[in-house]
Amino acid sequence: MSEQRIAMVTGASRGIGAAIATQLAAQGSHVVLLARNQEKLDQVKDEIEASGGNATALSCDVSDQASLVGVIEQIASEHK
């Protein structure tokens, strides 16, 4: 199992969510960016990676339980 911390940040496509994600990545966490707008998520992901951080951008509507459960299962599977 990986020792790297994984942080899920909702609303990560802009504003406070993007700032929190950027800070967590700068502190060494692998950040999973969650929001509905994939294009904006990809921009934040690119900024994090350009600064040397690690991030994954996943489009997800956190108000939809099935969507959220699917994303959590995907993250768990990829980071065993």
PDB file of N, CA and C in Angstrom:
ATOM      1  N   MET A   1       0.836  -1.177   0.000  1.00  0.00           N
ATOM      2  CA  MET A   1       0.000   0.000   0.000  1.00  0.00           C
ATOM      3  C   MET A   1       0.884   1.245   0.000  1.00  0.00           C
ATOM      4  N   SER A   2       0.459   2.258  -0.726  1.00  0.00           N
ATOM      5  CA  SER A   2       1.210   3.495  -0.840  1.00  0.00           C
ATOM      6  C   SER A   2       1.189   4.269   0.475  1.00  0.00           C
ATOM      7  N   GLU A   3       2.293   4.927   0.781  1.00  0.00           N
ATOM      8  CA  GLU A   3       2.376   5.745   1.986  1.00  0.00           C
ATOM      9  C   GLU A   3       2.002   7.193   1.706  1.00  0.00           C
ATOM     10  N   GLN A   4       1.860   7.553   0.430  1.00  0.00           N
ATOM     11  CA  GLN A   4       1.504   8.925   0.089  1.00  0.00           C
ATOM     12  C   GLN A   4       0.076   9.225   0.513  1.00  0.00           C
ATOM     13  N   ARG A   5      -0.135  10.384   1.079  1.00  0.00           N
ATOM     14  CA  ARG A   5      -1.479  10.797   1.469  1.00  0.00           C
ATOM     15  C   ARG A   5      -2.275  11.172   0.228  1.00  0.00           C
ATOM     16  N   ILE A   6      -3.538  10.833   0.268  1.00  0.00           N
ATOM     17  CA  ILE A   6      -4.452  11.164  -0.819  1.00  0.00           C
ATOM     18  C   ILE A   6      -5.520  12.077  -0.241  1.00  0.00           C
ATOM     19  N   ALA A   7      -5.694  13.232  -0.862  1.00  0.00           N
ATOM     20  CA  ALA A   7      -6.693  14.196  -0.414  1.00  0.00           C
ATOM     21  C   ALA A   7      -7.735  14.377  -1.511  1.00  0.00           C
ATOM     22  N   MET A   8      -9.001  14.223  -1.158  1.00  0.00           N
ATOM     23  CA  MET A   8     -10.093  14.498  -2.089  1.00  0.00           C
ATOM     24  C   MET A   8     -10.601  15.895  -1.787  1.00  0.00           C
ATOM     25  N   VAL A   9     -10.662  16.739  -2.813  1.00  0.00           N
ATOM     26  CA  VAL A   9     -11.122  18.105  -2.631  1.00  0.00           C
ATOM     27  C   VAL A   9     -12.310  18.349  -3.555  1.00  0.00           C
ATOM     28  N   THR A  10     -13.465  18.609  -2.953  1.00  0.00           N
ATOM     29  CA  THR A  10     -14.644  18.919  -3.752  1.00  0.00           C
ATOM     30  C   THR A  10     -14.641  20.410  -4.074  1.00  0.00           C
ATOM     31  N   GLY A  11     -15.290  20.750  -5.176  1.00  0.00           N
ATOM     32  CA  GLY A  11     -15.311  22.149  -5.600  1.00  0.00           C
ATOM     33  C   GLY A  11     -13.939  22.633  -6.009  1.00  0.00           C
ATOM     34  N   ALA A  12     -13.102  21.719  -6.496  1.00  0.00           N
ATOM     35  CA  ALA A  12     -11.697  22.019  -6.761  1.00  0.00           C
ATOM     36  C   ALA A  12     -11.447  22.705  -8.097  1.00  0.00           C
ATOM     37  N   SER A  13     -12.486  23.013  -8.845  1.00  0.00           N
ATOM     38  CA  SER A  13     -12.277  23.610 -10.158  1.00  0.00           C
ATOM     39  C   SER A  13     -12.031  25.118 -10.100  1.00  0.00           C
ATOM     40  N   ARG A  14     -12.247  25.727  -8.931  1.00  0.00           N
ATOM     41  CA  ARG A  14     -12.042  27.179  -8.840  1.00  0.00           C
ATOM     42  C   ARG A  14     -12.026  27.628  -7.379  1.00  0.00           C
ATOM     43  N   GLY A  15     -11.681  28.858  -7.175  1.00  0.00           N
ATOM     44  CA  GLY A  15     -11.795  29.512  -5.874  1.00  0.00           C
ATOM     45  C   GLY A  15     -11.098  28.807  -4.727  1.00  0.00           C
ATOM     46  N   ILE A  16     -11.805  28.737  -3.614  1.00  0.00           N
ATOM     47  CA  ILE A  16     -11.251  28.163  -2.387  1.00  0.00           C
ATOM     48  C   ILE A  16     -10.869  26.690  -2.590  1.00  0.00           C
ATOM     49  N   GLY A  17     -11.699  25.929  -3.290  1.00  0.00           N
ATOM     50  CA  GLY A  17     -11.395  24.517  -3.530  1.00  0.00           C
ATOM     51  C   GLY A  17     -10.086  24.338  -4.277  1.00  0.00           C
ATOM     52  N   ALA A  18      -9.877  25.140  -5.321  1.00  0.00           N
ATOM     53  CA  ALA A  18      -8.631  25.059  -6.093  1.00  0.00           C
ATOM     54  C   ALA A  18      -7.439  25.472  -5.232  1.00  0.00           C
ATOM     55  N   ALA A  19      -7.623  26.490  -4.395  1.00  0.00           N
ATOM     56  CA  ALA A  19      -6.534  26.947  -3.526  1.00  0.00           C
ATOM     57  C   ALA A  19      -6.167  25.876  -2.502  1.00  0.00           C
ATOM     58  N   ILE A  20      -7.172  25.238  -1.930  1.00  0.00           N
ATOM     59  CA  ILE A  20      -6.916  24.164  -0.961  1.00  0.00           C
ATOM     60  C   ILE A  20      -6.190  23.002  -1.643  1.00  0.00           C
ATOM     61  N   ALA A  21      -6.651  22.625  -2.821  1.00  0.00           N
ATOM     62  CA  ALA A  21      -6.018  21.527  -3.557  1.00  0.00           C
ATOM     63  C   ALA A  21      -4.561  21.842  -3.876  1.00  0.00           C
ATOM     64  N   THR A  22      -4.303  23.053  -4.302  1.00  0.00           N
ATOM     65  CA  THR A  22      -2.936  23.474  -4.637  1.00  0.00           C
ATOM     66  C   THR A  22      -2.036  23.414  -3.403  1.00  0.00           C
ATOM     67  N   GLN A  23      -2.544  23.855  -2.268  1.00  0.00           N
ATOM     68  CA  GLN A  23      -1.761  23.837  -1.030  1.00  0.00           C
ATOM     69  C   GLN A  23      -1.488  22.402  -0.570  1.00  0.00           C
ATOM     70  N   LEU A  24      -2.493  21.545  -0.634  1.00  0.00           N
ATOM     71  CA  LEU A  24      -2.294  20.147  -0.244  1.00  0.00           C
ATOM     72  C   LEU A  24      -1.258  19.468  -1.138  1.00  0.00           C
ATOM     73  N   ALA A  25      -1.307  19.748  -2.427  1.00  0.00           N
ATOM     74  CA  ALA A  25      -0.328  19.175  -3.351  1.00  0.00           C
ATOM     75  C   ALA A  25       1.072  19.691  -3.038  1.00  0.00           C
ATOM     76  N   ALA A  26       1.178  20.968  -2.695  1.00  0.00           N
ATOM     77  CA  ALA A  26       2.477  21.544  -2.347  1.00  0.00           C
ATOM     78  C   ALA A  26       3.052  20.916  -1.083  1.00  0.00           C
ATOM     79  N   GLN A  27       2.164  20.399  -0.231  1.00  0.00           N
ATOM     80  CA  GLN A  27       2.604  19.737   1.002  1.00  0.00           C
ATOM     81  C   GLN A  27       2.862  18.245   0.791  1.00  0.00           C
ATOM     82  N   GLY A  28       2.728  17.762  -0.445  1.00  0.00           N
ATOM     83  CA  GLY A  28       3.092  16.394  -0.767  1.00  0.00           C
ATOM     84  C   GLY A  28       1.967  15.407  -0.941  1.00  0.00           C
ATOM     85  N   SER A  29       0.736  15.833  -0.789  1.00  0.00           N
ATOM     86  CA  SER A  29      -0.392  14.913  -0.986  1.00  0.00           C
ATOM     87  C   SER A  29      -0.676  14.720  -2.469  1.00  0.00           C
ATOM     88  N   HIS A  30      -1.154  13.542  -2.805  1.00  0.00           N
ATOM     89  CA  HIS A  30      -1.738  13.339  -4.128  1.00  0.00           C
ATOM     90  C   HIS A  30      -3.171  13.849  -4.004  1.00  0.00           C
ATOM     91  N   VAL A  31      -3.534  14.822  -4.812  1.00  0.00           N
ATOM     92  CA  VAL A  31      -4.831  15.464  -4.685  1.00  0.00           C
ATOM     93  C   VAL A  31      -5.777  14.965  -5.768  1.00  0.00           C
ATOM     94  N   VAL A  32      -6.952  14.525  -5.339  1.00  0.00           N
ATOM     95  CA  VAL A  32      -8.004  14.144  -6.266  1.00  0.00           C
ATOM     96  C   VAL A  32      -8.970  15.317  -6.329  1.00  0.00           C
ATOM     97  N   LEU A  33      -9.010  15.942  -7.487  1.00  0.00           N
ATOM     98  CA  LEU A  33      -9.833  17.124  -7.704  1.00  0.00           C
ATOM     99  C   LEU A  33     -11.222  16.687  -8.147  1.00  0.00           C
ATOM    100  N   LEU A  34     -12.241  17.154  -7.445  1.00  0.00           N
ATOM    101  CA  LEU A  34     -13.622  16.786  -7.764  1.00  0.00           C
ATOM    102  C   LEU A  34     -14.464  18.031  -8.003  1.00  0.00           C
ATOM    103  N   ALA A  35     -15.201  18.022  -9.084  1.00  0.00           N
ATOM    104  CA  ALA A  35     -16.181  19.059  -9.414  1.00  0.00           C
ATOM    105  C   ALA A  35     -16.899  18.586 -10.672  1.00  0.00           C
ATOM    106  N   ARG A  36     -17.870  19.337 -11.109  1.00  0.00           N
ATOM    107  CA  ARG A  36     -18.621  18.927 -12.304  1.00  0.00           C
ATOM    108  C   ARG A  36     -17.971  19.357 -13.608  1.00  0.00           C
ATOM    109  N   ASN A  37     -17.166  20.406 -13.604  1.00  0.00           N
ATOM    110  CA  ASN A  37     -16.600  20.950 -14.834  1.00  0.00           C
ATOM    111  C   ASN A  37     -15.216  20.349 -15.103  1.00  0.00           C
ATOM    112  N   GLN A  38     -15.155  19.358 -15.981  1.00  0.00           N
ATOM    113  CA  GLN A  38     -13.904  18.654 -16.265  1.00  0.00           C
ATOM    114  C   GLN A  38     -12.846  19.581 -16.846  1.00  0.00           C
ATOM    115  N   GLU A  39     -13.246  20.500 -17.697  1.00  0.00           N
ATOM    116  CA  GLU A  39     -12.279  21.408 -18.323  1.00  0.00           C
ATOM    117  C   GLU A  39     -11.555  22.259 -17.274  1.00  0.00           C
ATOM    118  N   LYS A  40     -12.303  22.818 -16.343  1.00  0.00           N
ATOM    119  CA  LYS A  40     -11.685  23.625 -15.286  1.00  0.00           C
ATOM    120  C   LYS A  40     -10.853  22.767 -14.339  1.00  0.00           C
ATOM    121  N   LEU A  41     -11.322  21.545 -14.064  1.00  0.00           N
ATOM    122  CA  LEU A  41     -10.530  20.629 -13.238  1.00  0.00           C
ATOM    123  C   LEU A  41      -9.185  20.331 -13.892  1.00  0.00           C
ATOM    124  N   ASP A  42      -9.215  20.107 -15.200  1.00  0.00           N
ATOM    125  CA  ASP A  42      -7.974  19.820 -15.922  1.00  0.00           C
ATOM    126  C   ASP A  42      -7.003  20.997 -15.850  1.00  0.00           C
ATOM    127  N   GLN A  43      -7.523  22.220 -15.857  1.00  0.00           N
ATOM    128  CA  GLN A  43      -6.658  23.402 -15.733  1.00  0.00           C
ATOM    129  C   GLN A  43      -5.979  23.435 -14.366  1.00  0.00           C
ATOM    130  N   VAL A  44      -6.739  23.157 -13.319  1.00  0.00           N
ATOM    131  CA  VAL A  44      -6.160  23.138 -11.963  1.00  0.00           C
ATOM    132  C   VAL A  44      -5.138  22.006 -11.856  1.00  0.00           C
ATOM    133  N   LYS A  45      -5.462  20.844 -12.400  1.00  0.00           N
ATOM    134  CA  LYS A  45      -4.545  19.706 -12.399  1.00  0.00           C
ATOM    135  C   LYS A  45      -3.232  20.073 -13.092  1.00  0.00           C
ATOM    136  N   ASP A  46      -3.337  20.724 -14.259  1.00  0.00           N
ATOM    137  CA  ASP A  46      -2.137  21.129 -14.994  1.00  0.00           C
ATOM    138  C   ASP A  46      -1.290  22.102 -14.183  1.00  0.00           C
ATOM    139  N   GLU A  47      -1.931  23.037 -13.481  1.00  0.00           N
ATOM    140  CA  GLU A  47      -1.202  24.000 -12.646  1.00  0.00           C
ATOM    141  C   GLU A  47      -0.479  23.289 -11.502  1.00  0.00           C
ATOM    142  N   ILE A  48      -1.157  22.334 -10.886  1.00  0.00           N
ATOM    143  CA  ILE A  48      -0.538  21.578  -9.785  1.00  0.00           C
ATOM    144  C   ILE A  48       0.660  20.789 -10.296  1.00  0.00           C
ATOM    145  N   GLU A  49       0.499  20.114 -11.418  1.00  0.00           N
ATOM    146  CA  GLU A  49       1.586  19.306 -11.963  1.00  0.00           C
ATOM    147  C   GLU A  49       2.746  20.174 -12.448  1.00  0.00           C
ATOM    148  N   ALA A  50       2.451  21.362 -12.972  1.00  0.00           N
ATOM    149  CA  ALA A  50       3.510  22.280 -13.408  1.00  0.00           C
ATOM    150  C   ALA A  50       4.357  22.741 -12.229  1.00  0.00           C
ATOM    151  N   SER A  51       3.772  22.725 -11.048  1.00  0.00           N
ATOM    152  CA  SER A  51       4.489  23.116  -9.831  1.00  0.00           C
ATOM    153  C   SER A  51       5.156  21.928  -9.141  1.00  0.00           C
ATOM    154  N   GLY A  52       5.077  20.755  -9.772  1.00  0.00           N
ATOM    155  CA  GLY A  52       5.722  19.575  -9.217  1.00  0.00           C
ATOM    156  C   GLY A  52       4.836  18.699  -8.363  1.00  0.00           C
ATOM    157  N   GLY A  53       3.547  19.019  -8.270  1.00  0.00           N
ATOM    158  CA  GLY A  53       2.618  18.236  -7.470  1.00  0.00           C
ATOM    159  C   GLY A  53       1.972  17.115  -8.258  1.00  0.00           C
ATOM    160  N   ASN A  54       1.185  16.303  -7.564  1.00  0.00           N
ATOM    161  CA  ASN A  54       0.468  15.185  -8.182  1.00  0.00           C
ATOM    162  C   ASN A  54      -1.022  15.383  -7.992  1.00  0.00           C
ATOM    163  N   ALA A  55      -1.771  15.196  -9.077  1.00  0.00           N
ATOM    164  CA  ALA A  55      -3.218  15.372  -8.989  1.00  0.00           C
ATOM    165  C   ALA A  55      -3.924  14.505 -10.015  1.00  0.00           C
ATOM    166  N   THR A  56      -5.162  14.186  -9.689  1.00  0.00           N
ATOM    167  CA  THR A  56      -6.072  13.497 -10.586  1.00  0.00           C
ATOM    168  C   THR A  56      -7.332  14.343 -10.644  1.00  0.00           C
ATOM    169  N   ALA A  57      -7.865  14.565 -11.841  1.00  0.00           N
ATOM    170  CA  ALA A  57      -9.075  15.377 -12.005  1.00  0.00           C
ATOM    171  C   ALA A  57     -10.230  14.477 -12.422  1.00  0.00           C
ATOM    172  N   LEU A  58     -11.251  14.405 -11.586  1.00  0.00           N
ATOM    173  CA  LEU A  58     -12.405  13.557 -11.868  1.00  0.00           C
ATOM    174  C   LEU A  58     -13.695  14.363 -11.786  1.00  0.00           C
ATOM    175  N   SER A  59     -14.440  14.336 -12.856  1.00  0.00           N
ATOM    176  CA  SER A  59     -15.736  14.997 -12.859  1.00  0.00           C
ATOM    177  C   SER A  59     -16.702  14.192 -12.002  1.00  0.00           C
ATOM    178  N   CYS A  60     -17.358  14.890 -11.074  1.00  0.00           N
ATOM    179  CA  CYS A  60     -18.244  14.211 -10.142  1.00  0.00           C
ATOM    180  C   CYS A  60     -19.247  15.208  -9.584  1.00  0.00           C
ATOM    181  N   ASP A  61     -20.494  14.790  -9.512  1.00  0.00           N
ATOM    182  CA  ASP A  61     -21.525  15.582  -8.847  1.00  0.00           C
ATOM    183  C   ASP A  61     -21.686  15.002  -7.451  1.00  0.00           C
ATOM    184  N   VAL A  62     -21.126  15.677  -6.447  1.00  0.00           N
ATOM    185  CA  VAL A  62     -21.130  15.125  -5.089  1.00  0.00           C
ATOM    186  C   VAL A  62     -22.529  15.088  -4.477  1.00  0.00           C
ATOM    187  N   SER A  63     -23.496  15.732  -5.106  1.00  0.00           N
ATOM    188  CA  SER A  63     -24.871  15.639  -4.606  1.00  0.00           C
ATOM    189  C   SER A  63     -25.568  14.383  -5.116  1.00  0.00           C
ATOM    190  N   ASP A  64     -24.909  13.657  -6.022  1.00  0.00           N
ATOM    191  CA  ASP A  64     -25.444  12.410  -6.573  1.00  0.00           C
ATOM    192  C   ASP A  64     -24.677  11.248  -5.936  1.00  0.00           C
ATOM    193  N   GLN A  65     -25.349  10.506  -5.059  1.00  0.00           N
ATOM    194  CA  GLN A  65     -24.685   9.444  -4.291  1.00  0.00           C
ATOM    195  C   GLN A  65     -24.011   8.421  -5.193  1.00  0.00           C
ATOM    196  N   ALA A  66     -24.656   8.006  -6.265  1.00  0.00           N
ATOM    197  CA  ALA A  66     -24.065   6.999  -7.150  1.00  0.00           C
ATOM    198  C   ALA A  66     -22.780   7.524  -7.792  1.00  0.00           C
ATOM    199  N   SER A  67     -22.779   8.776  -8.183  1.00  0.00           N
ATOM    200  CA  SER A  67     -21.590   9.384  -8.783  1.00  0.00           C
ATOM    201  C   SER A  67     -20.450   9.431  -7.770  1.00  0.00           C
ATOM    202  N   LEU A  68     -20.757   9.833  -6.557  1.00  0.00           N
ATOM    203  CA  LEU A  68     -19.743   9.934  -5.513  1.00  0.00           C
ATOM    204  C   LEU A  68     -19.186   8.563  -5.127  1.00  0.00           C
ATOM    205  N   VAL A  69     -20.051   7.587  -4.962  1.00  0.00           N
ATOM    206  CA  VAL A  69     -19.599   6.231  -4.624  1.00  0.00           C
ATOM    207  C   VAL A  69     -18.697   5.689  -5.735  1.00  0.00           C
ATOM    208  N   GLY A  70     -19.071   5.928  -6.985  1.00  0.00           N
ATOM    209  CA  GLY A  70     -18.256   5.471  -8.110  1.00  0.00           C
ATOM    210  C   GLY A  70     -16.862   6.071  -8.087  1.00  0.00           C
ATOM    211  N   VAL A  71     -16.767   7.353  -7.802  1.00  0.00           N
ATOM    212  CA  VAL A  71     -15.472   8.026  -7.742  1.00  0.00           C
ATOM    213  C   VAL A  71     -14.641   7.492  -6.571  1.00  0.00           C
ATOM    214  N   ILE A  72     -15.260   7.301  -5.430  1.00  0.00           N
ATOM    215  CA  ILE A  72     -14.531   6.779  -4.269  1.00  0.00           C
ATOM    216  C   ILE A  72     -14.002   5.372  -4.559  1.00  0.00           C
ATOM    217  N   GLU A  73     -14.804   4.548  -5.189  1.00  0.00           N
ATOM    218  CA  GLU A  73     -14.349   3.197  -5.555  1.00  0.00           C
ATOM    219  C   GLU A  73     -13.198   3.259  -6.545  1.00  0.00           C
ATOM    220  N   GLN A  74     -13.267   4.174  -7.496  1.00  0.00           N
ATOM    221  CA  GLN A  74     -12.196   4.325  -8.477  1.00  0.00           C
ATOM    222  C   GLN A  74     -10.905   4.750  -7.795  1.00  0.00           C
ATOM    223  N   ILE A  75     -10.985   5.709  -6.897  1.00  0.00           N
ATOM    224  CA  ILE A  75      -9.808   6.188  -6.179  1.00  0.00           C
ATOM    225  C   ILE A  75      -9.199   5.067  -5.333  1.00  0.00           C
ATOM    226  N   ALA A  76     -10.035   4.343  -4.619  1.00  0.00           N
ATOM    227  CA  ALA A  76      -9.556   3.237  -3.785  1.00  0.00           C
ATOM    228  C   ALA A  76      -8.858   2.172  -4.630  1.00  0.00           C
ATOM    229  N   SER A  77      -9.412   1.889  -5.780  1.00  0.00           N
ATOM    230  CA  SER A  77      -8.840   0.882  -6.671  1.00  0.00           C
ATOM    231  C   SER A  77      -7.472   1.330  -7.223  1.00  0.00           C
ATOM    232  N   GLU A  78      -7.371   2.590  -7.581  1.00  0.00           N
ATOM    233  CA  GLU A  78      -6.139   3.102  -8.196  1.00  0.00           C
ATOM    234  C   GLU A  78      -5.018   3.339  -7.197  1.00  0.00           C
ATOM    235  N   HIS A  79      -5.361   3.472  -5.916  1.00  0.00           N
ATOM    236  CA  HIS A  79      -4.337   3.825  -4.919  1.00  0.00           C
ATOM    237  C   HIS A  79      -4.202   2.757  -3.829  1.00  0.00           C
ATOM    238  N   LYS A  80      -4.201   1.511  -4.246  1.00  0.00           N
ATOM    239  CA  LYS A  80      -4.023   0.403  -3.304  1.00  0.00           C
ATOM    240  C   LYS A  80      -2.591   0.317  -2.852  1.00  0.00           C
TER     241      LYS A  80
END
